[in-house]
PDB file of all heavy atoms in Angstrom:
ATOM      1  N   PRO A   1      94.894 132.336  90.388  1.00  0.00           N
ATOM      2  CA  PRO A   1      95.199 131.032  89.783  1.00  0.00           C
ATOM      3  C   PRO A   1      96.168 130.195  90.612  1.00  0.00           C
ATOM      4  O   PRO A   1      96.059 128.966  90.637  1.00  0.00           O
ATOM      5  CB  PRO A   1      95.807 131.401  88.421  1.00  0.00           C
ATOM      6  CG  PRO A   1      96.252 132.807  88.549  1.00  0.00           C
ATOM      7  CD  PRO A   1      95.338 133.450  89.526  1.00  0.00           C
ATOM      8  N   THR A   2      97.101 130.862  91.300  1.00  0.00           N
ATOM      9  CA  THR A   2      98.049 130.104  92.129  1.00  0.00           C
ATOM     10  C   THR A   2      97.339 129.415  93.275  1.00  0.00           C
ATOM     11  O   THR A   2      97.572 128.231  93.559  1.00  0.00           O
ATOM     12  CB  THR A   2      99.138 131.038  92.686  1.00  0.00           C
ATOM     13  OG1 THR A   2      99.837 131.656  91.606  1.00  0.00           O
ATOM     14  CG2 THR A   2     100.134 130.257  93.533  1.00  0.00           C
ATOM     15  N   SER A   3      96.455 130.144  93.960  1.00  0.00           N
ATOM     16  CA  SER A   3      95.722 129.544  95.079  1.00  0.00           C
ATOM     17  C   SER A   3      94.788 128.441  94.587  1.00  0.00           C
ATOM     18  O   SER A   3      94.629 127.413  95.258  1.00  0.00           O
ATOM     19  CB  SER A   3      94.945 130.616  95.847  1.00  0.00           C
ATOM     20  OG  SER A   3      94.035 131.303  95.001  1.00  0.00           O
ATOM     21  N   PHE A   4      94.186 128.639  93.415  1.00  0.00           N
ATOM     22  CA  PHE A   4      93.310 127.608  92.856  1.00  0.00           C
ATOM     23  C   PHE A   4      94.102 126.331  92.569  1.00  0.00           C
ATOM     24  O   PHE A   4      93.654 125.215  92.867  1.00  0.00           O
ATOM     25  CB  PHE A   4      92.650 128.117  91.577  1.00  0.00           C
ATOM     26  CG  PHE A   4      91.662 127.165  90.976  1.00  0.00           C
ATOM     27  CD1 PHE A   4      90.348 127.134  91.419  1.00  0.00           C
ATOM     28  CD2 PHE A   4      92.035 126.286  89.976  1.00  0.00           C
ATOM     29  CE1 PHE A   4      89.430 126.251  90.877  1.00  0.00           C
ATOM     30  CE2 PHE A   4      91.132 125.393  89.425  1.00  0.00           C
ATOM     31  CZ  PHE A   4      89.825 125.384  89.876  1.00  0.00           C
ATOM     32  N   PHE A   5      95.286 126.488  91.998  1.00  0.00           N
ATOM     33  CA  PHE A   5      96.119 125.335  91.654  1.00  0.00           C
ATOM     34  C   PHE A   5      96.610 124.611  92.912  1.00  0.00           C
ATOM     35  O   PHE A   5      96.523 123.381  93.014  1.00  0.00           O
ATOM     36  CB  PHE A   5      97.307 125.785  90.810  1.00  0.00           C
ATOM     37  CG  PHE A   5      98.294 124.694  90.516  1.00  0.00           C
ATOM     38  CD1 PHE A   5      98.013 123.721  89.571  1.00  0.00           C
ATOM     39  CD2 PHE A   5      99.508 124.632  91.195  1.00  0.00           C
ATOM     40  CE1 PHE A   5      98.922 122.700  89.304  1.00  0.00           C
ATOM     41  CE2 PHE A   5     100.419 123.625  90.938  1.00  0.00           C
ATOM     42  CZ  PHE A   5     100.123 122.651  89.991  1.00  0.00           C
ATOM     43  N   ILE A   6      97.107 125.363  93.885  1.00  0.00           N
ATOM     44  CA  ILE A   6      97.679 124.750  95.082  1.00  0.00           C
ATOM     45  C   ILE A   6      96.607 124.064  95.916  1.00  0.00           C
ATOM     46  O   ILE A   6      96.799 122.945  96.399  1.00  0.00           O
ATOM     47  CB  ILE A   6      98.439 125.803  95.911  1.00  0.00           C
ATOM     48  CG1 ILE A   6      99.700 126.235  95.142  1.00  0.00           C
ATOM     49  CG2 ILE A   6      98.822 125.245  97.282  1.00  0.00           C
ATOM     50  CD1 ILE A   6     100.517 127.279  95.843  1.00  0.00           C
ATOM     51  N   LYS A   7      95.453 124.718  96.080  1.00  0.00           N
ATOM     52  CA  LYS A   7      94.391 124.062  96.866  1.00  0.00           C
ATOM     53  C   LYS A   7      93.916 122.793  96.166  1.00  0.00           C
ATOM     54  O   LYS A   7      93.595 121.788  96.818  1.00  0.00           O
ATOM     55  CB  LYS A   7      93.242 125.030  97.147  1.00  0.00           C
ATOM     56  CG  LYS A   7      92.383 125.446  95.963  1.00  0.00           C
ATOM     57  CD  LYS A   7      91.199 124.529  95.739  1.00  0.00           C
ATOM     58  CE  LYS A   7      90.388 124.989  94.530  1.00  0.00           C
ATOM     59  NZ  LYS A   7      89.302 124.026  94.184  1.00  0.00           N
ATOM     60  N   GLY A   8      93.868 122.811  94.835  1.00  0.00           N
ATOM     61  CA  GLY A   8      93.462 121.616  94.107  1.00  0.00           C
ATOM     62  C   GLY A   8      94.444 120.470  94.287  1.00  0.00           C
ATOM     63  O   GLY A   8      94.045 119.309  94.469  1.00  0.00           O
ATOM     64  N   CYS A   9      95.735 120.793  94.253  1.00  0.00           N
ATOM     65  CA  CYS A   9      96.765 119.764  94.450  1.00  0.00           C
ATOM     66  C   CYS A   9      96.692 119.179  95.855  1.00  0.00           C
ATOM     67  O   CYS A   9      96.757 117.959  96.043  1.00  0.00           O
ATOM     68  CB  CYS A   9      98.149 120.366  94.206  1.00  0.00           C
ATOM     69  SG  CYS A   9      98.483 120.779  92.483  1.00  0.00           S
ATOM     70  N   LEU A  10      96.537 120.057  96.856  1.00  0.00           N
ATOM     71  CA  LEU A  10      96.460 119.582  98.239  1.00  0.00           C
ATOM     72  C   LEU A  10      95.212 118.742  98.472  1.00  0.00           C
ATOM     73  O   LEU A  10      95.257 117.716  99.169  1.00  0.00           O
ATOM     74  CB  LEU A  10      96.487 120.772  99.197  1.00  0.00           C
ATOM     75  CG  LEU A  10      97.819 121.517  99.315  1.00  0.00           C
ATOM     76  CD1 LEU A  10      97.664 122.761 100.180  1.00  0.00           C
ATOM     77  CD2 LEU A  10      98.896 120.596  99.888  1.00  0.00           C
ATOM     78  N   GLN A  11      94.097 119.161  97.889  1.00  0.00           N
ATOM     79  CA  GLN A  11      92.861 118.401  98.059  1.00  0.00           C
ATOM     80  C   GLN A  11      92.990 116.999  97.477  1.00  0.00           C
ATOM     81  O   GLN A  11      92.491 116.030  98.052  1.00  0.00           O
ATOM     82  CB  GLN A  11      91.694 119.145  97.417  1.00  0.00           C
ATOM     83  CG  GLN A  11      91.244 120.376  98.193  1.00  0.00           C
ATOM     84  CD  GLN A  11      90.123 121.122  97.505  1.00  0.00           C
ATOM     85  OE1 GLN A  11      89.903 120.975  96.303  1.00  0.00           O
ATOM     86  NE2 GLN A  11      89.402 121.940  98.255  1.00  0.00           N
ATOM     87  N   PHE A  12      93.668 116.895  96.335  1.00  0.00           N
ATOM     88  CA  PHE A  12      93.850 115.576  95.730  1.00  0.00           C
ATOM     89  C   PHE A  12      94.869 114.739  96.502  1.00  0.00           C
ATOM     90  O   PHE A  12      94.658 113.546  96.742  1.00  0.00           O
ATOM     91  CB  PHE A  12      94.303 115.720  94.278  1.00  0.00           C
ATOM     92  CG  PHE A  12      94.569 114.405  93.602  1.00  0.00           C
ATOM     93  CD1 PHE A  12      93.515 113.607  93.182  1.00  0.00           C
ATOM     94  CD2 PHE A  12      95.866 113.951  93.398  1.00  0.00           C
ATOM     95  CE1 PHE A  12      93.750 112.384  92.570  1.00  0.00           C
ATOM     96  CE2 PHE A  12      96.113 112.735  92.791  1.00  0.00           C
ATOM     97  CZ  PHE A  12      95.052 111.949  92.378  1.00  0.00           C
ATOM     98  N   LEU A  13      95.956 115.345  96.917  1.00  0.00           N
ATOM     99  CA  LEU A  13      96.993 114.610  97.641  1.00  0.00           C
ATOM    100  C   LEU A  13      96.475 114.088  98.982  1.00  0.00           C
ATOM    101  O   LEU A  13      96.746 112.945  99.364  1.00  0.00           O
ATOM    102  CB  LEU A  13      98.212 115.506  97.871  1.00  0.00           C
ATOM    103  CG  LEU A  13      99.045 115.838  96.632  1.00  0.00           C
ATOM    104  CD1 LEU A  13     100.113 116.871  96.976  1.00  0.00           C
ATOM    105  CD2 LEU A  13      99.697 114.576  96.062  1.00  0.00           C
ATOM    106  N   LEU A  14      95.722 114.919  99.699  1.00  0.00           N
ATOM    107  CA  LEU A  14      95.266 114.540 101.037  1.00  0.00           C
ATOM    108  C   LEU A  14      93.964 113.739 101.008  1.00  0.00           C
ATOM    109  O   LEU A  14      93.735 112.897 101.862  1.00  0.00           O
ATOM    110  CB  LEU A  14      95.100 115.791 101.903  1.00  0.00           C
ATOM    111  CG  LEU A  14      96.398 116.588 102.125  1.00  0.00           C
ATOM    112  CD1 LEU A  14      96.117 117.871 102.879  1.00  0.00           C
ATOM    113  CD2 LEU A  14      97.422 115.745 102.872  1.00  0.00           C
ATOM    114  N   GLY A  15      93.105 114.040 100.048  1.00  0.00           N
ATOM    115  CA  GLY A  15      91.909 113.225  99.827  1.00  0.00           C
ATOM    116  C   GLY A  15      90.977 113.113 101.017  1.00  0.00           C
ATOM    117  O   GLY A  15      90.418 112.045 101.268  1.00  0.00           O
ATOM    118  N   ARG A  16      90.782 114.214 101.722  1.00  0.00           N
ATOM    119  CA  ARG A  16      89.868 114.138 102.855  1.00  0.00           C
ATOM    120  C   ARG A  16      88.414 114.182 102.383  1.00  0.00           C
ATOM    121  O   ARG A  16      88.013 115.089 101.651  1.00  0.00           O
ATOM    122  CB  ARG A  16      90.099 115.296 103.825  1.00  0.00           C
ATOM    123  CG  ARG A  16      89.257 115.115 105.085  1.00  0.00           C
ATOM    124  CD  ARG A  16      89.355 116.247 106.042  1.00  0.00           C
ATOM    125  NE  ARG A  16      88.715 115.887 107.301  1.00  0.00           N
ATOM    126  CZ  ARG A  16      88.544 116.713 108.312  1.00  0.00           C
ATOM    127  NH1 ARG A  16      88.967 117.964 108.223  1.00  0.00           N
ATOM    128  NH2 ARG A  16      87.957 116.307 109.418  1.00  0.00           N
ATOM    129  N   VAL A  17      87.642 113.217 102.808  1.00  0.00           N
ATOM    130  CA  VAL A  17      86.234 113.143 102.410  1.00  0.00           C
ATOM    131  C   VAL A  17      85.462 114.282 103.064  1.00  0.00           C
ATOM    132  O   VAL A  17      85.634 114.573 104.250  1.00  0.00           O
ATOM    133  CB  VAL A  17      85.631 111.787 102.809  1.00  0.00           C
ATOM    134  CG1 VAL A  17      84.147 111.731 102.452  1.00  0.00           C
ATOM    135  CG2 VAL A  17      86.388 110.655 102.135  1.00  0.00           C
ATOM    136  N   THR A  18      84.616 114.940 102.292  1.00  0.00           N
ATOM    137  CA  THR A  18      83.794 116.040 102.799  1.00  0.00           C
ATOM    138  C   THR A  18      82.699 115.514 103.724  1.00  0.00           C
ATOM    139  O   THR A  18      82.419 114.316 103.743  1.00  0.00           O
ATOM    140  CB  THR A  18      83.161 116.813 101.632  1.00  0.00           C
ATOM    141  OG1 THR A  18      82.430 115.888 100.811  1.00  0.00           O
ATOM    142  CG2 THR A  18      84.228 117.482 100.786  1.00  0.00           C
ATOM    143  N   PRO A  19      82.069 116.398 104.507  1.00  0.00           N
ATOM    144  CA  PRO A  19      81.023 115.917 105.425  1.00  0.00           C
ATOM    145  C   PRO A  19      79.895 115.164 104.731  1.00  0.00           C
ATOM    146  O   PRO A  19      79.357 114.198 105.283  1.00  0.00           O
ATOM    147  CB  PRO A  19      80.518 117.205 106.077  1.00  0.00           C
ATOM    148  CG  PRO A  19      81.676 118.147 105.999  1.00  0.00           C
ATOM    149  CD  PRO A  19      82.356 117.826 104.708  1.00  0.00           C
ATOM    150  N   ARG A  20      79.532 115.603 103.532  1.00  0.00           N
ATOM    151  CA  ARG A  20      78.445 114.929 102.826  1.00  0.00           C
ATOM    152  C   ARG A  20      78.620 115.164 101.336  1.00  0.00           C
ATOM    153  O   ARG A  20      79.380 116.036 100.903  1.00  0.00           O
ATOM    154  CB  ARG A  20      77.090 115.472 103.266  1.00  0.00           C
ATOM    155  CG  ARG A  20      76.888 116.952 102.997  1.00  0.00           C
ATOM    156  CD  ARG A  20      75.581 117.442 103.606  1.00  0.00           C
ATOM    157  NE  ARG A  20      75.351 118.857 103.387  1.00  0.00           N
ATOM    158  CZ  ARG A  20      74.822 119.376 102.291  1.00  0.00           C
ATOM    159  NH1 ARG A  20      74.467 118.582 101.304  1.00  0.00           N
ATOM    160  NH2 ARG A  20      74.642 120.678 102.161  1.00  0.00           N
ATOM    161  N   TYR A  21      77.925 114.362 100.546  1.00  0.00           N
ATOM    162  CA  TYR A  21      77.956 114.518  99.099  1.00  0.00           C
ATOM    163  C   TYR A  21      76.910 115.524  98.661  1.00  0.00           C
ATOM    164  O   TYR A  21      75.902 115.749  99.337  1.00  0.00           O
ATOM    165  CB  TYR A  21      77.701 113.179  98.401  1.00  0.00           C
ATOM    166  CG  TYR A  21      78.854 112.220  98.483  1.00  0.00           C
ATOM    167  CD1 TYR A  21      78.635 110.858  98.687  1.00  0.00           C
ATOM    168  CD2 TYR A  21      80.169 112.661  98.355  1.00  0.00           C
ATOM    169  CE1 TYR A  21      79.689 109.960  98.759  1.00  0.00           C
ATOM    170  CE2 TYR A  21      81.230 111.776  98.424  1.00  0.00           C
ATOM    171  CZ  TYR A  21      80.985 110.425  98.627  1.00  0.00           C
ATOM    172  OH  TYR A  21      82.023 109.549  98.707  1.00  0.00           O
ATOM    173  N   HIS A  22      77.138 116.099  97.487  1.00  0.00           N
ATOM    174  CA  HIS A  22      76.173 117.032  96.913  1.00  0.00           C
ATOM    175  C   HIS A  22      74.840 116.333  96.696  1.00  0.00           C
ATOM    176  O   HIS A  22      74.758 115.226  96.172  1.00  0.00           O
ATOM    177  CB  HIS A  22      76.708 117.559  95.577  1.00  0.00           C
ATOM    178  CG  HIS A  22      75.736 118.419  94.840  1.00  0.00           C
ATOM    179  ND1 HIS A  22      75.231 119.584  95.371  1.00  0.00           N
ATOM    180  CD2 HIS A  22      75.161 118.289  93.626  1.00  0.00           C
ATOM    181  CE1 HIS A  22      74.405 120.132  94.513  1.00  0.00           C
ATOM    182  NE2 HIS A  22      74.342 119.361  93.437  1.00  0.00           N
ATOM    183  N   GLY A  23      73.765 117.003  97.118  1.00  0.00           N
ATOM    184  CA  GLY A  23      72.429 116.455  96.928  1.00  0.00           C
ATOM    185  C   GLY A  23      71.970 115.528  98.033  1.00  0.00           C
ATOM    186  O   GLY A  23      70.861 114.985  97.960  1.00  0.00           O
ATOM    187  N   SER A  24      72.796 115.323  99.050  1.00  0.00           N
ATOM    188  CA  SER A  24      72.416 114.446 100.148  1.00  0.00           C
ATOM    189  C   SER A  24      72.665 115.161 101.470  1.00  0.00           C
ATOM    190  O   SER A  24      73.668 115.845 101.639  1.00  0.00           O
ATOM    191  CB  SER A  24      73.231 113.148 100.107  1.00  0.00           C
ATOM    192  OG  SER A  24      73.008 112.379 101.266  1.00  0.00           O
ATOM    193  N   SER A  25      71.753 114.993 102.404  1.00  0.00           N
ATOM    194  CA  SER A  25      71.912 115.596 103.725  1.00  0.00           C
ATOM    195  C   SER A  25      72.519 114.621 104.726  1.00  0.00           C
ATOM    196  O   SER A  25      72.755 114.977 105.878  1.00  0.00           O
ATOM    197  CB  SER A  25      70.558 116.081 104.245  1.00  0.00           C
ATOM    198  OG  SER A  25      69.659 114.982 104.373  1.00  0.00           O
ATOM    199  N   VAL A  26      72.776 113.384 104.279  1.00  0.00           N
ATOM    200  CA  VAL A  26      73.315 112.356 105.172  1.00  0.00           C
ATOM    201  C   VAL A  26      74.811 112.585 105.360  1.00  0.00           C
ATOM    202  O   VAL A  26      75.564 112.702 104.392  1.00  0.00           O
ATOM    203  CB  VAL A  26      73.077 110.947 104.595  1.00  0.00           C
ATOM    204  CG1 VAL A  26      73.683 109.892 105.520  1.00  0.00           C
ATOM    205  CG2 VAL A  26      71.597 110.700 104.405  1.00  0.00           C
ATOM    206  N   LEU A  27      75.233 112.655 106.597  1.00  0.00           N
ATOM    207  CA  LEU A  27      76.651 112.816 106.890  1.00  0.00           C
ATOM    208  C   LEU A  27      77.375 111.505 106.611  1.00  0.00           C
ATOM    209  O   LEU A  27      77.012 110.450 107.132  1.00  0.00           O
ATOM    210  CB  LEU A  27      76.840 113.240 108.348  1.00  0.00           C
ATOM    211  CG  LEU A  27      76.281 114.622 108.705  1.00  0.00           C
ATOM    212  CD1 LEU A  27      76.360 114.865 110.205  1.00  0.00           C
ATOM    213  CD2 LEU A  27      77.042 115.713 107.951  1.00  0.00           C
ATOM    214  N   LEU A  28      78.419 111.581 105.806  1.00  0.00           N
ATOM    215  CA  LEU A  28      79.096 110.364 105.358  1.00  0.00           C
ATOM    216  C   LEU A  28      79.754 109.608 106.499  1.00  0.00           C
ATOM    217  O   LEU A  28      79.752 108.387 106.533  1.00  0.00           O
ATOM    218  CB  LEU A  28      80.133 110.733 104.291  1.00  0.00           C
ATOM    219  CG  LEU A  28      79.554 111.326 103.005  1.00  0.00           C
ATOM    220  CD1 LEU A  28      80.672 111.748 102.060  1.00  0.00           C
ATOM    221  CD2 LEU A  28      78.636 110.326 102.325  1.00  0.00           C
ATOM    222  N   PHE A  29      80.327 110.338 107.444  1.00  0.00           N
ATOM    223  CA  PHE A  29      81.027 109.660 108.530  1.00  0.00           C
ATOM    224  C   PHE A  29      80.040 109.009 109.511  1.00  0.00           C
ATOM    225  O   PHE A  29      80.433 108.143 110.294  1.00  0.00           O
ATOM    226  CB  PHE A  29      81.956 110.621 109.266  1.00  0.00           C
ATOM    227  CG  PHE A  29      81.265 111.752 109.976  1.00  0.00           C
ATOM    228  CD1 PHE A  29      80.773 111.595 111.263  1.00  0.00           C
ATOM    229  CD2 PHE A  29      81.111 112.986 109.351  1.00  0.00           C
ATOM    230  CE1 PHE A  29      80.144 112.638 111.915  1.00  0.00           C
ATOM    231  CE2 PHE A  29      80.487 114.041 110.007  1.00  0.00           C
ATOM    232  CZ  PHE A  29      79.996 113.856 111.291  1.00  0.00           C
ATOM    233  N   VAL A  30      78.778 109.437 109.473  1.00  0.00           N
ATOM    234  CA  VAL A  30      77.752 108.779 110.285  1.00  0.00           C
ATOM    235  C   VAL A  30      77.325 107.481 109.623  1.00  0.00           C
ATOM    236  O   VAL A  30      77.169 106.444 110.277  1.00  0.00           O
ATOM    237  CB  VAL A  30      76.543 109.715 110.496  1.00  0.00           C
ATOM    238  CG1 VAL A  30      75.395 108.962 111.171  1.00  0.00           C
ATOM    239  CG2 VAL A  30      76.949 110.917 111.324  1.00  0.00           C
ATOM    240  N   ARG A  31      77.151 107.533 108.325  1.00  0.00           N
ATOM    241  CA  ARG A  31      76.751 106.339 107.582  1.00  0.00           C
ATOM    242  C   ARG A  31      77.871 105.311 107.525  1.00  0.00           C
ATOM    243  O   ARG A  31      77.631 104.102 107.627  1.00  0.00           O
ATOM    244  CB  ARG A  31      76.341 106.730 106.154  1.00  0.00           C
ATOM    245  CG  ARG A  31      75.793 105.575 105.327  1.00  0.00           C
ATOM    246  CD  ARG A  31      75.298 106.063 103.992  1.00  0.00           C
ATOM    247  NE  ARG A  31      76.361 106.653 103.187  1.00  0.00           N
ATOM    248  CZ  ARG A  31      76.168 107.236 102.002  1.00  0.00           C
ATOM    249  NH1 ARG A  31      74.934 107.343 101.521  1.00  0.00           N
ATOM    250  NH2 ARG A  31      77.171 107.740 101.328  1.00  0.00           N
ATOM    251  N   ASN A  32      79.093 105.789 107.365  1.00  0.00           N
ATOM    252  CA  ASN A  32      80.253 104.901 107.299  1.00  0.00           C
ATOM    253  C   ASN A  32      81.437 105.573 107.993  1.00  0.00           C
ATOM    254  O   ASN A  32      82.123 106.390 107.395  1.00  0.00           O
ATOM    255  CB  ASN A  32      80.606 104.588 105.844  1.00  0.00           C
ATOM    256  CG  ASN A  32      81.744 103.576 105.728  1.00  0.00           C
ATOM    257  OD1 ASN A  32      82.318 103.144 106.728  1.00  0.00           O
ATOM    258  ND2 ASN A  32      82.075 103.199 104.508  1.00  0.00           N
ATOM    259  N   PRO A  33      81.695 105.245 109.245  1.00  0.00           N
ATOM    260  CA  PRO A  33      82.768 105.900 109.999  1.00  0.00           C
ATOM    261  C   PRO A  33      84.136 105.788 109.348  1.00  0.00           C
ATOM    262  O   PRO A  33      85.005 106.641 109.581  1.00  0.00           O
ATOM    263  CB  PRO A  33      82.744 105.158 111.349  1.00  0.00           C
ATOM    264  CG  PRO A  33      81.350 104.650 111.474  1.00  0.00           C
ATOM    265  CD  PRO A  33      80.929 104.292 110.075  1.00  0.00           C
ATOM    266  N   GLN A  34      84.351 104.775 108.527  1.00  0.00           N
ATOM    267  CA  GLN A  34      85.660 104.602 107.886  1.00  0.00           C
ATOM    268  C   GLN A  34      85.938 105.685 106.843  1.00  0.00           C
ATOM    269  O   GLN A  34      87.089 105.882 106.449  1.00  0.00           O
ATOM    270  CB  GLN A  34      85.749 103.220 107.231  1.00  0.00           C
ATOM    271  CG  GLN A  34      85.751 102.072 108.234  1.00  0.00           C
ATOM    272  CD  GLN A  34      85.900 100.724 107.561  1.00  0.00           C
ATOM    273  OE1 GLN A  34      85.757 100.596 106.348  1.00  0.00           O
ATOM    274  NE2 GLN A  34      86.188  99.703 108.353  1.00  0.00           N
ATOM    275  N   LEU A  35      84.901 106.383 106.402  1.00  0.00           N
ATOM    276  CA  LEU A  35      85.105 107.442 105.418  1.00  0.00           C
ATOM    277  C   LEU A  35      85.706 108.698 106.038  1.00  0.00           C
ATOM    278  O   LEU A  35      86.245 109.537 105.320  1.00  0.00           O
ATOM    279  CB  LEU A  35      83.769 107.800 104.748  1.00  0.00           C
ATOM    280  CG  LEU A  35      83.185 106.754 103.801  1.00  0.00           C
ATOM    281  CD1 LEU A  35      81.822 107.215 103.294  1.00  0.00           C
ATOM    282  CD2 LEU A  35      84.130 106.494 102.638  1.00  0.00           C
ATOM    283  N   TYR A  36      85.598 108.828 107.352  1.00  0.00           N
ATOM    284  CA  TYR A  36      86.117 110.025 108.001  1.00  0.00           C
ATOM    285  C   TYR A  36      87.641 110.007 107.979  1.00  0.00           C
ATOM    286  O   TYR A  36      88.281 109.013 108.305  1.00  0.00           O
ATOM    287  CB  TYR A  36      85.638 110.109 109.446  1.00  0.00           C
ATOM    288  CG  TYR A  36      86.070 111.390 110.128  1.00  0.00           C
ATOM    289  CD1 TYR A  36      85.446 112.591 109.838  1.00  0.00           C
ATOM    290  CD2 TYR A  36      87.121 111.399 111.036  1.00  0.00           C
ATOM    291  CE1 TYR A  36      85.834 113.769 110.449  1.00  0.00           C
ATOM    292  CE2 TYR A  36      87.513 112.569 111.662  1.00  0.00           C
ATOM    293  CZ  TYR A  36      86.882 113.747 111.354  1.00  0.00           C
ATOM    294  OH  TYR A  36      87.281 114.921 111.951  1.00  0.00           O
ATOM    295  N   GLY A  37      88.211 111.135 107.582  1.00  0.00           N
ATOM    296  CA  GLY A  37      89.662 111.244 107.603  1.00  0.00           C
ATOM    297  C   GLY A  37      90.239 111.461 106.215  1.00  0.00           C
ATOM    298  O   GLY A  37      89.547 111.903 105.293  1.00  0.00           O
ATOM    299  N   PHE A  38      91.507 111.125 106.085  1.00  0.00           N
ATOM    300  CA  PHE A  38      92.252 111.376 104.858  1.00  0.00           C
ATOM    301  C   PHE A  38      92.444 110.079 104.092  1.00  0.00           C
ATOM    302  O   PHE A  38      92.897 109.075 104.639  1.00  0.00           O
ATOM    303  CB  PHE A  38      93.604 112.006 105.188  1.00  0.00           C
ATOM    304  CG  PHE A  38      93.487 113.357 105.845  1.00  0.00           C
ATOM    305  CD1 PHE A  38      93.432 113.473 107.218  1.00  0.00           C
ATOM    306  CD2 PHE A  38      93.412 114.511 105.080  1.00  0.00           C
ATOM    307  CE1 PHE A  38      93.311 114.712 107.838  1.00  0.00           C
ATOM    308  CE2 PHE A  38      93.297 115.755 105.680  1.00  0.00           C
ATOM    309  CZ  PHE A  38      93.241 115.851 107.057  1.00  0.00           C
ATOM    310  N   HIS A  39      92.099 110.121 102.814  1.00  0.00           N
ATOM    311  CA  HIS A  39      92.264 108.987 101.911  1.00  0.00           C
ATOM    312  C   HIS A  39      93.073 109.501 100.722  1.00  0.00           C
ATOM    313  O   HIS A  39      92.515 110.042  99.769  1.00  0.00           O
ATOM    314  CB  HIS A  39      90.906 108.439 101.482  1.00  0.00           C
ATOM    315  CG  HIS A  39      90.033 108.071 102.649  1.00  0.00           C
ATOM    316  ND1 HIS A  39      90.045 106.824 103.226  1.00  0.00           N
ATOM    317  CD2 HIS A  39      89.141 108.805 103.372  1.00  0.00           C
ATOM    318  CE1 HIS A  39      89.188 106.792 104.239  1.00  0.00           C
ATOM    319  NE2 HIS A  39      88.632 107.984 104.351  1.00  0.00           N
ATOM    320  N   PHE A  40      94.364 109.327 100.800  1.00  0.00           N
ATOM    321  CA  PHE A  40      95.293 110.027  99.927  1.00  0.00           C
ATOM    322  C   PHE A  40      95.097 109.683  98.448  1.00  0.00           C
ATOM    323  O   PHE A  40      94.685 108.585  98.086  1.00  0.00           O
ATOM    324  CB  PHE A  40      96.723 109.734 100.362  1.00  0.00           C
ATOM    325  CG  PHE A  40      96.981 110.103 101.803  1.00  0.00           C
ATOM    326  CD1 PHE A  40      97.084 109.119 102.779  1.00  0.00           C
ATOM    327  CD2 PHE A  40      97.087 111.429 102.174  1.00  0.00           C
ATOM    328  CE1 PHE A  40      97.297 109.460 104.102  1.00  0.00           C
ATOM    329  CE2 PHE A  40      97.299 111.780 103.495  1.00  0.00           C
ATOM    330  CZ  PHE A  40      97.400 110.798 104.467  1.00  0.00           C
ATOM    331  N   LEU A  41      95.438 110.682  97.632  1.00  0.00           N
ATOM    332  CA  LEU A  41      95.400 110.578  96.174  1.00  0.00           C
ATOM    333  C   LEU A  41      93.993 110.312  95.643  1.00  0.00           C
ATOM    334  O   LEU A  41      93.770 109.431  94.808  1.00  0.00           O
ATOM    335  CB  LEU A  41      96.366 109.499  95.676  1.00  0.00           C
ATOM    336  CG  LEU A  41      97.850 109.732  96.010  1.00  0.00           C
ATOM    337  CD1 LEU A  41      98.712 108.620  95.449  1.00  0.00           C
ATOM    338  CD2 LEU A  41      98.318 111.089  95.493  1.00  0.00           C
ATOM    339  N   GLN A  42      93.059 111.103  96.139  1.00  0.00           N
ATOM    340  CA  GLN A  42      91.715 111.121  95.575  1.00  0.00           C
ATOM    341  C   GLN A  42      91.108 112.497  95.878  1.00  0.00           C
ATOM    342  O   GLN A  42      91.616 113.228  96.715  1.00  0.00           O
ATOM    343  CB  GLN A  42      90.844 110.014  96.171  1.00  0.00           C
ATOM    344  CG  GLN A  42      90.511 110.190  97.638  1.00  0.00           C
ATOM    345  CD  GLN A  42      89.575 109.100  98.138  1.00  0.00           C
ATOM    346  OE1 GLN A  42      89.674 107.949  97.729  1.00  0.00           O
ATOM    347  NE2 GLN A  42      88.662 109.461  99.011  1.00  0.00           N
ATOM    348  N   THR A  43      90.068 112.836  95.171  1.00  0.00           N
ATOM    349  CA  THR A  43      89.451 114.144  95.344  1.00  0.00           C
ATOM    350  C   THR A  43      88.946 114.321  96.764  1.00  0.00           C
ATOM    351  O   THR A  43      88.286 113.440  97.311  1.00  0.00           O
ATOM    352  CB  THR A  43      88.277 114.319  94.367  1.00  0.00           C
ATOM    353  OG1 THR A  43      88.752 114.154  93.030  1.00  0.00           O
ATOM    354  CG2 THR A  43      87.668 115.702  94.505  1.00  0.00           C
ATOM    355  N   GLY A  44      89.286 115.463  97.378  1.00  0.00           N
ATOM    356  CA  GLY A  44      88.885 115.711  98.754  1.00  0.00           C
ATOM    357  C   GLY A  44      88.525 117.162  98.988  1.00  0.00           C
ATOM    358  O   GLY A  44      88.434 117.955  98.045  1.00  0.00           O
TER     359      GLY A  44
END
């Protein structure tokens, strides 16, 4: 539970967009380069 909680907090704080969304094979950073990287305070 500790690792689950801490990883969840870090993922939200750092907000790094994943390579692609569920159900899509399109790489997000290819479709929109601005999505690559950290977008703080959102699910990542």
